[in-house]
Amino acid sequence: MDHISDHVLRALWYLDSMASQGIVLTRNDVNRIATVTPPRDTIYRSFLNPLAGSALFESTVPSRRAQPVATYLVDVDWASETPEGLKITNKGRAILRLSGADEHEHAVNESVVNDVALSPDDPLVYTVLTRRLAAAGEGMLVDPYFKAENLRWIVEATSLKRILISKKASAKERPIISVALGTLPNGQSVEVRATDDANLHDRRIIAADGSVQMIGTSINGIGRHETAMISPEPAIAKAYRDSSEQLWTNAEKVEPRQLKAPVETDEASDRE
C-alpha cells in the first residue's frame, strides 16, 4: 500500500472510526481532520544523559513545549464554543471512546455500567435510576407518558434540560405539567414539549454527549415493573438520537403556567 499516502490513510481511518460510532461525516468534516495541523506534544529529552530516550532512562526535562489545543479542537469539531465555555461534541466523545481514554476515566470515577436491570424488588432502584439520569447531563428524556409528579425529582436530582412527551398520551396530564413547570422552584429550567407524531413510542435518554440509553418502561412504571436500561449499538443509537431531535424540533412547547386565585363572585351573582 505504499502508493497510498499517509495523508489519505489518516482520512480513511477517521471516516471509518466515526462510522463505527454511528457518526456520519460530511466532506468538510473529512477535509478538516486532514488539513488542520494538530498541535505538537511536549518532547522530553535530557542533554546531560547520553542514553536519554532509551527504555532504561526516562527524562523529565522538556526540550519542546506542547502547543495550545483549544483552537484545534474547535477547528476539527471535537469541541464547540458556547457561552459557558468549551464543550465536547459527539465527534470528540467518539474519539475519546475509540482511544480508550473515556473508558479509563469512567473506571476511575466508578461510573455506571452500560446496561442495568431495574427491579421493583431492589430497594435502591430509584437511586440507580437517578444516577443514570444524572449521568446524562443536560440531556433529553423521551417518555410519552411522563407525569407531573416526577418533575420535581428531575429538576432537583438531575441536570436534564428537555423532556419530550406524547400529545395523545398526555392529553389530561399536560395542564398539570404546565402548572408544575410554573410553580416548582427552578421548574422553568426544564423545557417540556409534546408531539403528536405517531413515531414516538420507545422511552429513551439522549445524553448531552450524544450517547443513548433505552428504558423498557415509562419513568412512572419504574419500581412497579421489571425493566432495564440498555445502551444500543452506535448505529441504532444514532437513529434514535436523530429521530428524537427531529421530534423535538417539531413538537409543541408546554408553556409554564402559574395558578391564579379563585375568581370572586359579585353580590348580584351570589343573589342569583
Protein backbone atom coordinates (compact mmCIF):
# COMPACT_ATOMS: atom_id res chain seq x y z
CA MET A 1 0.00 0.00 0.00
CA ASP A 2 2.99 2.30 -0.44
CA HIS A 3 1.23 4.13 -3.27
CA ILE A 4 -1.40 5.44 -0.81
CA SER A 5 -0.17 8.40 1.21
CA ASP A 6 -0.40 8.59 4.99
CA HIS A 7 -2.48 11.72 4.46
CA VAL A 8 -5.21 9.71 2.70
CA LEU A 9 -4.99 6.79 5.12
CA ARG A 10 -5.50 9.10 8.11
CA ALA A 11 -8.64 10.47 6.48
CA LEU A 12 -9.92 6.94 5.84
CA TRP A 13 -9.18 5.97 9.44
CA TYR A 14 -11.19 8.94 10.68
CA LEU A 15 -14.09 8.18 8.35
CA ASP A 16 -14.19 4.54 9.44
CA SER A 17 -13.74 5.38 13.12
CA MET A 18 -16.66 7.81 13.16
CA ALA A 19 -18.84 5.32 11.27
CA SER A 20 -18.11 2.71 13.94
CA GLN A 21 -19.57 5.18 16.47
CA GLY A 22 -22.68 5.86 14.40
CA ILE A 23 -21.49 9.30 13.20
CA VAL A 24 -21.69 10.16 9.50
CA LEU A 25 -19.11 12.71 8.31
CA THR A 26 -19.52 15.34 5.62
CA ARG A 27 -16.83 16.23 3.08
CA ASN A 28 -15.91 19.25 5.20
CA ASP A 29 -15.53 17.04 8.29
CA VAL A 30 -13.06 14.77 6.50
CA ASN A 31 -11.16 17.67 4.95
CA ARG A 32 -10.80 19.42 8.33
CA ILE A 33 -9.17 16.47 10.02
CA ALA A 34 -6.85 16.01 7.01
CA THR A 35 -5.77 19.63 6.60
CA VAL A 36 -5.82 21.23 10.05
CA THR A 37 -2.38 20.88 11.62
CA PRO A 38 -2.56 19.15 15.02
CA PRO A 39 -0.82 20.89 17.94
CA ARG A 40 2.53 19.36 18.76
CA ASP A 41 3.08 17.49 22.00
CA THR A 42 5.82 18.04 24.53
CA ILE A 43 9.10 16.22 23.88
CA TYR A 44 11.20 15.29 26.89
CA ARG A 45 14.93 14.93 26.44
CA SER A 46 17.95 15.23 28.67
CA PHE A 47 21.05 16.92 27.32
CA LEU A 48 23.07 15.54 30.23
CA ASN A 49 22.23 11.88 29.78
CA PRO A 50 23.59 10.35 26.57
CA LEU A 51 21.22 7.40 26.96
CA ALA A 52 18.12 9.59 27.10
CA GLY A 53 15.29 8.10 25.17
CA SER A 54 16.23 4.52 25.93
CA ALA A 55 13.89 2.28 27.87
CA LEU A 56 16.27 2.36 30.81
CA PHE A 57 16.20 6.09 31.34
CA GLU A 58 13.28 8.47 31.45
CA SER A 59 13.98 12.18 31.20
CA THR A 60 11.82 14.82 32.84
CA VAL A 61 13.39 17.79 31.08
CA PRO A 62 11.13 19.21 28.33
CA SER A 63 13.10 20.20 25.24
CA ARG A 64 9.96 21.30 23.40
CA ARG A 65 6.76 22.60 24.93
CA ALA A 66 3.29 21.48 23.91
CA GLN A 67 1.21 23.85 21.83
CA PRO A 68 -2.29 25.04 22.87
CA VAL A 69 -5.07 22.68 21.80
CA ALA A 70 -8.37 24.57 22.23
CA THR A 71 -8.41 26.16 18.75
CA TYR A 72 -7.55 22.83 17.13
CA LEU A 73 -10.38 21.02 18.94
CA VAL A 74 -12.87 23.61 17.73
CA ASP A 75 -11.47 23.65 14.17
CA VAL A 76 -11.90 19.89 13.76
CA ASP A 77 -15.30 19.94 15.53
CA TRP A 78 -14.22 17.87 18.52
CA ALA A 79 -15.27 20.71 20.81
CA SER A 80 -17.60 23.69 20.43
CA GLU A 81 -17.57 27.20 21.83
CA THR A 82 -20.59 28.04 24.00
CA PRO A 83 -21.45 31.00 26.26
CA GLU A 84 -20.49 28.78 29.21
CA GLY A 85 -17.16 27.75 27.66
CA LEU A 86 -15.84 24.84 25.58
CA LYS A 87 -17.96 21.68 25.41
CA ILE A 88 -17.05 18.36 23.85
CA THR A 89 -19.04 17.38 20.73
CA ASN A 90 -20.32 13.97 19.67
CA LYS A 91 -17.26 13.56 17.43
CA GLY A 92 -14.94 14.45 20.31
CA ARG A 93 -16.69 11.97 22.58
CA ALA A 94 -16.38 9.29 19.90
CA ILE A 95 -12.62 9.92 19.66
CA LEU A 96 -12.37 9.51 23.43
CA ARG A 97 -14.23 6.22 23.31
CA LEU A 98 -12.05 4.92 20.47
CA SER A 99 -8.84 5.90 22.21
CA GLY A 100 -9.83 4.17 25.42
CA ALA A 101 -9.34 7.37 27.42
CA ASP A 102 -13.06 7.65 28.06
CA GLU A 103 -13.22 4.09 29.42
CA HIS A 104 -10.26 4.79 31.70
CA GLU A 105 -11.91 7.94 33.03
CA HIS A 106 -15.15 6.09 33.68
CA ALA A 107 -13.29 3.33 35.50
CA VAL A 108 -11.57 5.89 37.72
CA ASN A 109 -14.84 7.64 38.51
CA GLU A 110 -16.68 4.32 39.02
CA SER A 111 -19.42 5.26 36.61
CA VAL A 112 -22.41 3.11 35.85
CA VAL A 113 -22.19 0.12 33.54
CA ASN A 114 -23.79 0.23 30.11
CA ASP A 115 -26.79 -1.98 30.85
CA VAL A 116 -28.63 -2.29 34.13
CA ALA A 117 -31.73 -4.10 35.38
CA LEU A 118 -34.30 -2.12 37.36
CA SER A 119 -36.17 -4.49 39.63
CA PRO A 120 -39.14 -3.47 41.78
CA ASP A 121 -37.65 -5.72 44.47
CA ASP A 122 -34.48 -3.62 44.62
CA PRO A 123 -34.75 -1.04 47.44
CA LEU A 124 -32.18 1.12 45.62
CA VAL A 125 -33.93 1.05 42.25
CA TYR A 126 -34.65 4.81 42.36
CA THR A 127 -31.07 5.51 43.37
CA VAL A 128 -29.81 3.57 40.35
CA LEU A 129 -32.29 5.34 38.06
CA THR A 130 -31.36 8.77 39.41
CA ARG A 131 -27.68 8.03 38.89
CA ARG A 132 -28.33 7.07 35.26
CA LEU A 133 -30.38 10.20 34.57
CA ALA A 134 -27.84 12.43 36.30
CA ALA A 135 -25.05 10.91 34.20
CA ALA A 136 -26.85 12.15 31.07
CA GLY A 137 -26.01 15.74 31.99
CA GLU A 138 -28.06 18.43 30.24
CA GLY A 139 -29.69 15.82 28.03
CA MET A 140 -33.22 14.90 26.97
CA LEU A 141 -35.70 12.42 28.43
CA VAL A 142 -38.12 10.96 25.89
CA ASP A 143 -41.12 9.50 27.69
CA PRO A 144 -44.59 9.63 26.09
CA TYR A 145 -46.35 9.04 29.43
CA PHE A 146 -44.28 11.33 31.67
CA LYS A 147 -46.27 12.67 34.66
CA ALA A 148 -46.10 15.96 36.51
CA GLU A 149 -45.29 14.37 39.87
CA ASN A 150 -41.88 13.31 38.54
CA LEU A 151 -40.90 16.85 37.52
CA ARG A 152 -39.59 17.92 40.94
CA TRP A 153 -37.32 14.88 41.05
CA ILE A 154 -35.99 15.66 37.54
CA VAL A 155 -35.30 19.30 38.46
CA GLU A 156 -33.71 18.64 41.84
CA ALA A 157 -31.78 15.40 41.23
CA THR A 158 -30.64 15.67 37.59
CA SER A 159 -29.36 18.20 35.07
CA LEU A 160 -31.76 17.20 32.28
CA LYS A 161 -32.98 20.20 30.30
CA ARG A 162 -35.52 18.68 27.91
CA ILE A 163 -38.46 16.29 28.26
CA LEU A 164 -40.38 15.08 25.20
CA ILE A 165 -43.85 13.64 25.73
CA SER A 166 -46.76 12.46 23.57
CA LYS A 167 -49.70 14.79 22.96
CA LYS A 168 -52.17 11.92 22.74
CA ALA A 169 -50.88 10.07 25.80
CA SER A 170 -50.66 13.24 27.91
CA ALA A 171 -53.94 14.95 26.98
CA LYS A 172 -55.06 15.13 30.62
CA GLU A 173 -51.58 15.40 32.10
CA ARG A 174 -50.28 18.39 30.11
CA PRO A 175 -52.22 21.08 32.05
CA ILE A 176 -50.83 19.63 35.29
CA ILE A 177 -47.30 19.57 33.88
CA SER A 178 -47.82 23.17 32.79
CA VAL A 179 -48.71 24.23 36.35
CA ALA A 180 -45.80 22.22 37.79
CA LEU A 181 -43.37 23.99 35.43
CA GLY A 182 -44.69 27.36 36.53
CA THR A 183 -44.85 26.76 40.27
CA LEU A 184 -41.92 24.48 41.14
CA PRO A 185 -38.70 26.24 42.21
CA ASN A 186 -36.45 26.18 39.13
CA GLY A 187 -39.24 24.43 37.24
CA GLN A 188 -38.59 26.52 34.16
CA SER A 189 -35.02 25.23 33.97
CA VAL A 190 -36.56 22.27 32.14
CA GLU A 191 -38.41 22.60 28.84
CA VAL A 192 -41.21 20.15 28.08
CA ARG A 193 -42.55 19.63 24.57
CA ALA A 194 -45.40 17.45 23.32
CA THR A 195 -45.52 15.81 19.91
CA ASP A 196 -48.45 14.29 18.03
CA ASP A 197 -46.11 12.20 15.88
CA ALA A 198 -47.12 8.54 15.97
CA ASN A 199 -43.44 7.53 15.74
CA LEU A 200 -42.91 8.45 19.39
CA HIS A 201 -43.09 5.24 21.35
CA ASP A 202 -39.80 3.99 22.81
CA ARG A 203 -38.59 5.59 26.02
CA ARG A 204 -35.00 6.77 25.99
CA ILE A 205 -32.47 9.20 27.36
CA ILE A 206 -30.38 11.24 24.94
CA ALA A 207 -27.36 12.35 26.97
CA ALA A 208 -25.61 15.67 26.49
CA ASP A 209 -22.64 13.82 24.94
CA GLY A 210 -24.91 12.13 22.39
CA SER A 211 -24.98 8.69 23.99
CA VAL A 212 -28.34 6.92 24.16
CA GLN A 213 -29.96 4.69 26.78
CA MET A 214 -33.21 2.83 26.15
CA ILE A 215 -35.69 2.42 29.01
CA GLY A 216 -38.03 -0.56 28.98
CA THR A 217 -40.94 1.25 30.61
CA SER A 218 -42.13 4.74 31.39
CA ILE A 219 -40.45 6.56 34.28
CA ASN A 220 -43.79 6.26 36.06
CA GLY A 221 -43.52 2.47 35.96
CA ILE A 222 -40.04 2.21 37.49
CA GLY A 223 -40.32 0.45 40.83
CA ARG A 224 -43.58 -1.22 39.80
CA HIS A 225 -42.46 -3.27 36.81
CA GLU A 226 -39.36 -5.30 35.99
CA THR A 227 -37.44 -3.41 33.31
CA ALA A 228 -33.94 -2.45 32.18
CA MET A 229 -31.86 0.38 30.78
CA ILE A 230 -29.81 -0.64 27.75
CA SER A 231 -27.26 1.20 25.61
CA PRO A 232 -27.85 0.30 21.93
CA GLU A 233 -25.06 -0.19 19.41
CA PRO A 234 -23.77 3.00 17.72
CA ALA A 235 -25.83 2.80 14.52
CA ILE A 236 -29.06 2.26 16.45
CA ALA A 237 -28.13 4.96 18.96
CA LYS A 238 -27.61 7.43 16.11
CA ALA A 239 -31.01 6.57 14.63
CA TYR A 240 -32.73 7.21 17.97
CA ARG A 241 -30.69 10.36 18.57
CA ASP A 242 -31.56 11.81 15.17
CA SER A 243 -35.25 10.91 15.37
CA SER A 244 -35.50 12.34 18.90
CA GLU A 245 -34.04 15.66 17.77
CA GLN A 246 -36.42 15.75 14.81
CA LEU A 247 -39.42 15.03 17.02
CA TRP A 248 -38.26 17.71 19.46
CA THR A 249 -37.89 20.32 16.73
CA ASN A 250 -41.45 19.77 15.51
CA ALA A 251 -43.06 19.38 18.94
CA GLU A 252 -45.18 21.99 20.73
CA LYS A 253 -43.82 23.59 23.90
CA VAL A 254 -45.77 23.06 27.12
CA GLU A 255 -45.84 26.60 28.49
CA PRO A 256 -45.31 27.06 32.25
CA ARG A 257 -48.44 28.36 33.97
CA GLN A 258 -48.90 29.72 37.46
CA LEU A 259 -52.09 29.18 39.41
CA LYS A 260 -54.35 32.16 39.87
CA ALA A 261 -56.53 32.96 42.89
CA PRO A 262 -60.12 31.73 42.62
CA VAL A 263 -62.42 34.21 40.86
CA GLU A 264 -64.58 36.11 43.36
CA THR A 265 -68.30 36.34 42.54
CA ASP A 266 -70.10 39.67 42.98
CA GLU A 267 -73.08 40.14 45.23
CA ALA A 268 -75.54 40.09 42.33
CA SER A 269 -74.24 36.75 41.16
CA ASP A 270 -74.47 35.44 44.72
CA ARG A 271 -78.09 36.51 44.97
CA GLU A 272 -78.92 34.86 41.69
